[in-house]
Amino acid sequence: MVRTGCDLGEDIKATDWIVEKIKNSKIYAQHIYAALCENEWYCDDGSGTWSVQWRDAGRIVSDVRGEGSYLDWYCSGVIWDSEGSVREGAVTEEILKDLNGIGWKIYGKY
């Protein structure tokens, strides 16, 4: 992956192994969505910060999966509660490790 700016959404889309995980696992995709919601991320190279609204987080996931729309993910932390989902704003250890691995850190919580 070659970073062209400080845009976590674009970096996710440009990282083949994360794209494959999103495409192959609905739960991983939901966890990415949740991690993008209500959080501010920053590039570890100091080039800036990044955050999105819930609908934009859902759009990133639906774009990567090549199906549906942001509405398929919007509020999924509440709707899918029994399916292994996490609430919006939560960042699982796997997602934190994966996003750290492509040069992104989260402010505050972790």
N, C-alpha and C. Protein backbone atom coordinates (compact mmCIF):
# COMPACT_ATOMS: atom_id res chain seq x y z
N MET A 1 0.84 -1.18 0.00
CA MET A 1 0.00 0.00 0.00
C MET A 1 0.88 1.25 0.00
N VAL A 2 0.56 2.18 -0.86
CA VAL A 2 1.25 3.46 -0.89
C VAL A 2 0.25 4.53 -0.46
N ARG A 3 0.54 5.20 0.63
CA ARG A 3 -0.36 6.24 1.13
C ARG A 3 -0.25 7.47 0.26
N THR A 4 -1.41 7.99 -0.15
CA THR A 4 -1.44 9.20 -0.99
C THR A 4 -1.94 10.40 -0.21
N GLY A 5 -2.28 10.23 1.03
CA GLY A 5 -2.77 11.31 1.88
C GLY A 5 -3.16 10.72 3.21
N CYS A 6 -3.87 11.48 3.99
CA CYS A 6 -4.28 11.01 5.31
C CYS A 6 -5.77 10.66 5.24
N ASP A 7 -6.08 9.50 4.67
CA ASP A 7 -7.47 9.06 4.50
C ASP A 7 -7.55 7.58 4.83
N LEU A 8 -8.03 7.27 6.02
CA LEU A 8 -8.10 5.88 6.46
C LEU A 8 -9.00 5.05 5.56
N GLY A 9 -10.10 5.61 5.10
CA GLY A 9 -10.99 4.89 4.20
C GLY A 9 -10.27 4.44 2.93
N GLU A 10 -9.51 5.34 2.34
CA GLU A 10 -8.76 5.00 1.13
C GLU A 10 -7.65 4.00 1.43
N ASP A 11 -7.01 4.13 2.60
CA ASP A 11 -5.96 3.17 2.96
C ASP A 11 -6.55 1.77 3.16
N ILE A 12 -7.73 1.68 3.75
CA ILE A 12 -8.39 0.38 3.89
C ILE A 12 -8.65 -0.22 2.52
N LYS A 13 -9.22 0.58 1.62
CA LYS A 13 -9.54 0.11 0.27
C LYS A 13 -8.29 -0.29 -0.52
N ALA A 14 -7.14 0.28 -0.17
CA ALA A 14 -5.89 0.01 -0.90
C ALA A 14 -5.08 -1.13 -0.29
N THR A 15 -5.57 -1.70 0.79
CA THR A 15 -4.83 -2.76 1.48
C THR A 15 -5.50 -4.09 1.19
N ASP A 16 -4.90 -4.85 0.28
CA ASP A 16 -5.52 -6.09 -0.21
C ASP A 16 -5.94 -7.04 0.90
N TRP A 17 -5.10 -7.25 1.89
CA TRP A 17 -5.42 -8.24 2.92
C TRP A 17 -6.57 -7.79 3.82
N ILE A 18 -6.72 -6.48 4.03
CA ILE A 18 -7.88 -5.99 4.79
C ILE A 18 -9.14 -6.09 3.92
N VAL A 19 -9.02 -5.75 2.65
CA VAL A 19 -10.15 -5.88 1.72
C VAL A 19 -10.65 -7.32 1.71
N GLU A 20 -9.74 -8.28 1.65
CA GLU A 20 -10.14 -9.69 1.64
C GLU A 20 -10.85 -10.08 2.93
N LYS A 21 -10.36 -9.59 4.06
CA LYS A 21 -11.01 -9.90 5.34
C LYS A 21 -12.43 -9.31 5.38
N ILE A 22 -12.59 -8.09 4.87
CA ILE A 22 -13.91 -7.45 4.84
C ILE A 22 -14.85 -8.22 3.93
N LYS A 23 -14.35 -8.64 2.78
CA LYS A 23 -15.19 -9.37 1.82
C LYS A 23 -15.57 -10.76 2.33
N ASN A 24 -14.67 -11.40 3.07
CA ASN A 24 -14.87 -12.78 3.48
C ASN A 24 -15.58 -12.96 4.82
N SER A 25 -15.72 -11.90 5.59
CA SER A 25 -16.34 -12.02 6.91
C SER A 25 -17.27 -10.84 7.20
N LYS A 26 -18.53 -11.13 7.31
CA LYS A 26 -19.51 -10.10 7.65
C LYS A 26 -19.22 -9.51 9.03
N ILE A 27 -18.77 -10.35 9.97
CA ILE A 27 -18.46 -9.86 11.31
C ILE A 27 -17.23 -8.96 11.30
N TYR A 28 -16.18 -9.34 10.57
CA TYR A 28 -15.01 -8.47 10.45
C TYR A 28 -15.42 -7.14 9.83
N ALA A 29 -16.24 -7.19 8.79
CA ALA A 29 -16.71 -5.97 8.14
C ALA A 29 -17.46 -5.09 9.13
N GLN A 30 -18.30 -5.70 9.96
CA GLN A 30 -19.05 -4.93 10.95
C GLN A 30 -18.10 -4.34 11.98
N HIS A 31 -17.07 -5.07 12.35
CA HIS A 31 -16.10 -4.56 13.32
C HIS A 31 -15.31 -3.38 12.75
N ILE A 32 -14.97 -3.43 11.46
CA ILE A 32 -14.33 -2.28 10.81
C ILE A 32 -15.27 -1.08 10.85
N TYR A 33 -16.53 -1.30 10.46
CA TYR A 33 -17.54 -0.23 10.49
C TYR A 33 -17.59 0.39 11.89
N ALA A 34 -17.72 -0.44 12.92
CA ALA A 34 -17.84 0.07 14.29
C ALA A 34 -16.62 0.88 14.70
N ALA A 35 -15.44 0.41 14.31
CA ALA A 35 -14.20 1.10 14.67
C ALA A 35 -14.08 2.47 14.00
N LEU A 36 -14.67 2.60 12.82
CA LEU A 36 -14.60 3.88 12.12
C LEU A 36 -15.57 4.90 12.71
N CYS A 37 -16.62 4.42 13.36
CA CYS A 37 -17.64 5.29 13.96
C CYS A 37 -17.16 5.87 15.29
N GLU A 38 -17.46 7.13 15.52
CA GLU A 38 -17.24 7.78 16.82
C GLU A 38 -15.79 7.80 17.28
N ASN A 39 -14.86 7.61 16.37
CA ASN A 39 -13.44 7.63 16.73
C ASN A 39 -12.67 8.56 15.83
N GLU A 40 -11.60 9.10 16.39
CA GLU A 40 -10.68 9.90 15.60
C GLU A 40 -9.38 9.11 15.48
N TRP A 41 -8.96 8.91 14.27
CA TRP A 41 -7.74 8.16 13.96
C TRP A 41 -6.68 9.14 13.47
N TYR A 42 -5.42 8.80 13.66
CA TYR A 42 -4.35 9.65 13.13
C TYR A 42 -3.28 8.80 12.46
N CYS A 43 -2.68 9.40 11.44
CA CYS A 43 -1.59 8.75 10.71
C CYS A 43 -0.36 8.74 11.59
N ASP A 44 0.29 7.59 11.67
CA ASP A 44 1.48 7.53 12.52
C ASP A 44 2.66 8.30 11.94
N ASP A 45 2.52 8.79 10.70
CA ASP A 45 3.58 9.62 10.13
C ASP A 45 3.37 11.10 10.44
N GLY A 46 2.32 11.40 11.23
CA GLY A 46 2.06 12.78 11.65
C GLY A 46 1.38 13.65 10.61
N SER A 47 0.88 13.05 9.53
CA SER A 47 0.32 13.86 8.45
C SER A 47 -1.12 14.31 8.68
N GLY A 48 -1.77 13.86 9.74
CA GLY A 48 -3.10 14.37 10.02
C GLY A 48 -4.00 13.38 10.73
N THR A 49 -5.25 13.81 10.93
CA THR A 49 -6.25 12.98 11.59
C THR A 49 -7.39 12.69 10.62
N TRP A 50 -8.21 11.72 11.00
CA TRP A 50 -9.30 11.28 10.13
C TRP A 50 -10.46 10.78 10.98
N SER A 51 -11.66 11.16 10.61
CA SER A 51 -12.88 10.63 11.24
C SER A 51 -14.02 10.76 10.23
N VAL A 52 -15.07 9.94 10.44
CA VAL A 52 -16.23 9.97 9.55
C VAL A 52 -17.50 9.81 10.35
N GLN A 53 -18.61 10.16 9.72
CA GLN A 53 -19.92 9.91 10.29
C GLN A 53 -20.29 8.45 10.06
N TRP A 54 -21.27 7.97 10.79
CA TRP A 54 -21.68 6.57 10.70
C TRP A 54 -22.03 6.17 9.27
N ARG A 55 -22.76 7.02 8.57
CA ARG A 55 -23.18 6.65 7.20
C ARG A 55 -21.97 6.52 6.28
N ASP A 56 -20.96 7.36 6.49
CA ASP A 56 -19.75 7.26 5.67
C ASP A 56 -18.95 6.00 6.01
N ALA A 57 -18.93 5.61 7.27
CA ALA A 57 -18.28 4.36 7.67
C ALA A 57 -18.98 3.18 6.99
N GLY A 58 -20.31 3.21 6.98
CA GLY A 58 -21.08 2.17 6.31
C GLY A 58 -20.83 2.14 4.82
N ARG A 59 -20.66 3.30 4.22
CA ARG A 59 -20.39 3.39 2.79
C ARG A 59 -19.03 2.77 2.44
N ILE A 60 -18.04 3.00 3.29
CA ILE A 60 -16.72 2.42 3.05
C ILE A 60 -16.83 0.90 3.03
N VAL A 61 -17.52 0.34 4.01
CA VAL A 61 -17.65 -1.12 4.09
C VAL A 61 -18.45 -1.67 2.91
N SER A 62 -19.56 -1.02 2.57
CA SER A 62 -20.36 -1.52 1.44
C SER A 62 -19.59 -1.40 0.12
N ASP A 63 -18.80 -0.34 -0.03
CA ASP A 63 -17.98 -0.19 -1.24
C ASP A 63 -16.95 -1.31 -1.34
N VAL A 64 -16.28 -1.61 -0.23
CA VAL A 64 -15.27 -2.67 -0.24
C VAL A 64 -15.92 -4.02 -0.54
N ARG A 65 -17.06 -4.29 0.05
CA ARG A 65 -17.73 -5.57 -0.17
C ARG A 65 -18.38 -5.64 -1.55
N GLY A 66 -18.59 -4.48 -2.18
CA GLY A 66 -19.19 -4.45 -3.51
C GLY A 66 -20.65 -4.83 -3.52
N GLU A 67 -21.32 -4.52 -2.41
CA GLU A 67 -22.74 -4.86 -2.32
C GLU A 67 -23.45 -3.91 -1.37
N GLY A 68 -24.74 -3.74 -1.61
CA GLY A 68 -25.58 -2.97 -0.70
C GLY A 68 -25.25 -1.50 -0.66
N SER A 69 -25.61 -0.90 0.47
CA SER A 69 -25.36 0.51 0.70
C SER A 69 -24.97 0.73 2.15
N TYR A 70 -24.74 1.97 2.52
CA TYR A 70 -24.37 2.27 3.91
C TYR A 70 -25.45 1.82 4.88
N LEU A 71 -26.68 1.76 4.42
CA LEU A 71 -27.79 1.37 5.29
C LEU A 71 -27.68 -0.07 5.78
N ASP A 72 -26.94 -0.91 5.06
CA ASP A 72 -26.75 -2.29 5.50
C ASP A 72 -25.87 -2.37 6.74
N TRP A 73 -25.12 -1.32 7.03
CA TRP A 73 -24.19 -1.31 8.16
C TRP A 73 -24.59 -0.32 9.23
N TYR A 74 -25.30 0.73 8.84
CA TYR A 74 -25.70 1.80 9.75
C TYR A 74 -26.45 1.23 10.95
N CYS A 75 -25.99 1.53 12.14
CA CYS A 75 -26.57 1.05 13.41
C CYS A 75 -26.47 -0.46 13.58
N SER A 76 -25.58 -1.11 12.87
CA SER A 76 -25.47 -2.57 12.95
C SER A 76 -25.00 -3.04 14.32
N GLY A 77 -24.35 -2.19 15.09
CA GLY A 77 -23.94 -2.57 16.43
C GLY A 77 -25.11 -2.80 17.36
N VAL A 78 -26.22 -2.18 17.05
CA VAL A 78 -27.44 -2.35 17.85
C VAL A 78 -28.30 -3.45 17.24
N ILE A 79 -28.48 -3.42 15.95
CA ILE A 79 -29.38 -4.33 15.26
C ILE A 79 -28.87 -5.76 15.29
N TRP A 80 -27.57 -5.97 15.12
CA TRP A 80 -27.00 -7.31 14.99
C TRP A 80 -26.51 -7.87 16.31
N ASP A 81 -26.88 -7.31 17.41
CA ASP A 81 -26.27 -7.61 18.69
C ASP A 81 -26.03 -9.10 18.94
N SER A 82 -26.91 -9.95 18.49
CA SER A 82 -26.76 -11.38 18.76
C SER A 82 -25.85 -12.09 17.75
N GLU A 83 -25.35 -11.39 16.77
CA GLU A 83 -24.55 -12.01 15.72
C GLU A 83 -23.04 -11.81 15.88
N GLY A 84 -22.59 -11.35 17.04
CA GLY A 84 -21.17 -11.12 17.25
C GLY A 84 -20.71 -9.72 16.91
N SER A 85 -21.66 -8.84 16.68
CA SER A 85 -21.29 -7.46 16.34
C SER A 85 -20.86 -6.71 17.59
N VAL A 86 -20.25 -5.56 17.37
CA VAL A 86 -19.88 -4.67 18.46
C VAL A 86 -20.54 -3.32 18.21
N ARG A 87 -20.73 -2.59 19.27
CA ARG A 87 -21.38 -1.28 19.15
C ARG A 87 -20.49 -0.28 18.43
N GLU A 88 -21.13 0.69 17.81
CA GLU A 88 -20.41 1.76 17.13
C GLU A 88 -19.46 2.44 18.11
N GLY A 89 -18.23 2.62 17.66
CA GLY A 89 -17.20 3.23 18.49
C GLY A 89 -16.27 2.22 19.13
N ALA A 90 -16.70 0.96 19.23
CA ALA A 90 -15.85 -0.07 19.79
C ALA A 90 -14.77 -0.47 18.79
N VAL A 91 -13.60 -0.78 19.30
CA VAL A 91 -12.50 -1.22 18.44
C VAL A 91 -11.98 -2.54 19.02
N THR A 92 -12.16 -3.60 18.27
CA THR A 92 -11.68 -4.91 18.74
C THR A 92 -10.16 -4.97 18.63
N GLU A 93 -9.58 -5.92 19.35
CA GLU A 93 -8.12 -6.08 19.30
C GLU A 93 -7.65 -6.37 17.87
N GLU A 94 -8.39 -7.20 17.14
CA GLU A 94 -8.01 -7.54 15.77
C GLU A 94 -8.00 -6.30 14.88
N ILE A 95 -9.04 -5.50 14.97
CA ILE A 95 -9.13 -4.28 14.14
C ILE A 95 -8.03 -3.30 14.53
N LEU A 96 -7.82 -3.12 15.83
CA LEU A 96 -6.76 -2.21 16.28
C LEU A 96 -5.41 -2.66 15.73
N LYS A 97 -5.12 -3.94 15.83
CA LYS A 97 -3.85 -4.47 15.32
C LYS A 97 -3.74 -4.27 13.81
N ASP A 98 -4.83 -4.56 13.09
CA ASP A 98 -4.80 -4.42 11.63
C ASP A 98 -4.61 -2.97 11.19
N LEU A 99 -5.34 -2.05 11.81
CA LEU A 99 -5.21 -0.65 11.41
C LEU A 99 -3.88 -0.06 11.86
N ASN A 100 -3.40 -0.48 13.03
CA ASN A 100 -2.04 -0.08 13.44
C ASN A 100 -1.02 -0.57 12.42
N GLY A 101 -1.26 -1.77 11.88
CA GLY A 101 -0.35 -2.38 10.92
C GLY A 101 -0.24 -1.63 9.60
N ILE A 102 -1.26 -0.81 9.29
CA ILE A 102 -1.17 0.00 8.07
C ILE A 102 -0.93 1.48 8.40
N GLY A 103 -0.48 1.73 9.63
CA GLY A 103 -0.03 3.07 9.97
C GLY A 103 -1.05 3.99 10.60
N TRP A 104 -2.08 3.44 11.25
CA TRP A 104 -3.12 4.26 11.88
C TRP A 104 -3.21 3.97 13.37
N LYS A 105 -3.34 5.02 14.14
CA LYS A 105 -3.51 4.93 15.59
C LYS A 105 -4.82 5.65 15.95
N ILE A 106 -5.35 5.30 17.12
CA ILE A 106 -6.61 5.91 17.56
C ILE A 106 -6.33 6.83 18.74
N TYR A 107 -7.02 7.95 18.77
CA TYR A 107 -6.92 8.87 19.90
C TYR A 107 -7.71 8.34 21.07
N GLY A 108 -7.14 8.49 22.25
CA GLY A 108 -7.91 8.30 23.47
C GLY A 108 -8.05 6.92 24.04
N LYS A 109 -8.96 6.13 23.50
CA LYS A 109 -9.44 4.93 24.16
C LYS A 109 -8.41 3.82 24.32
N TYR A 110 -7.52 3.65 23.37
CA TYR A 110 -6.68 2.45 23.35
C TYR A 110 -5.21 2.77 23.38
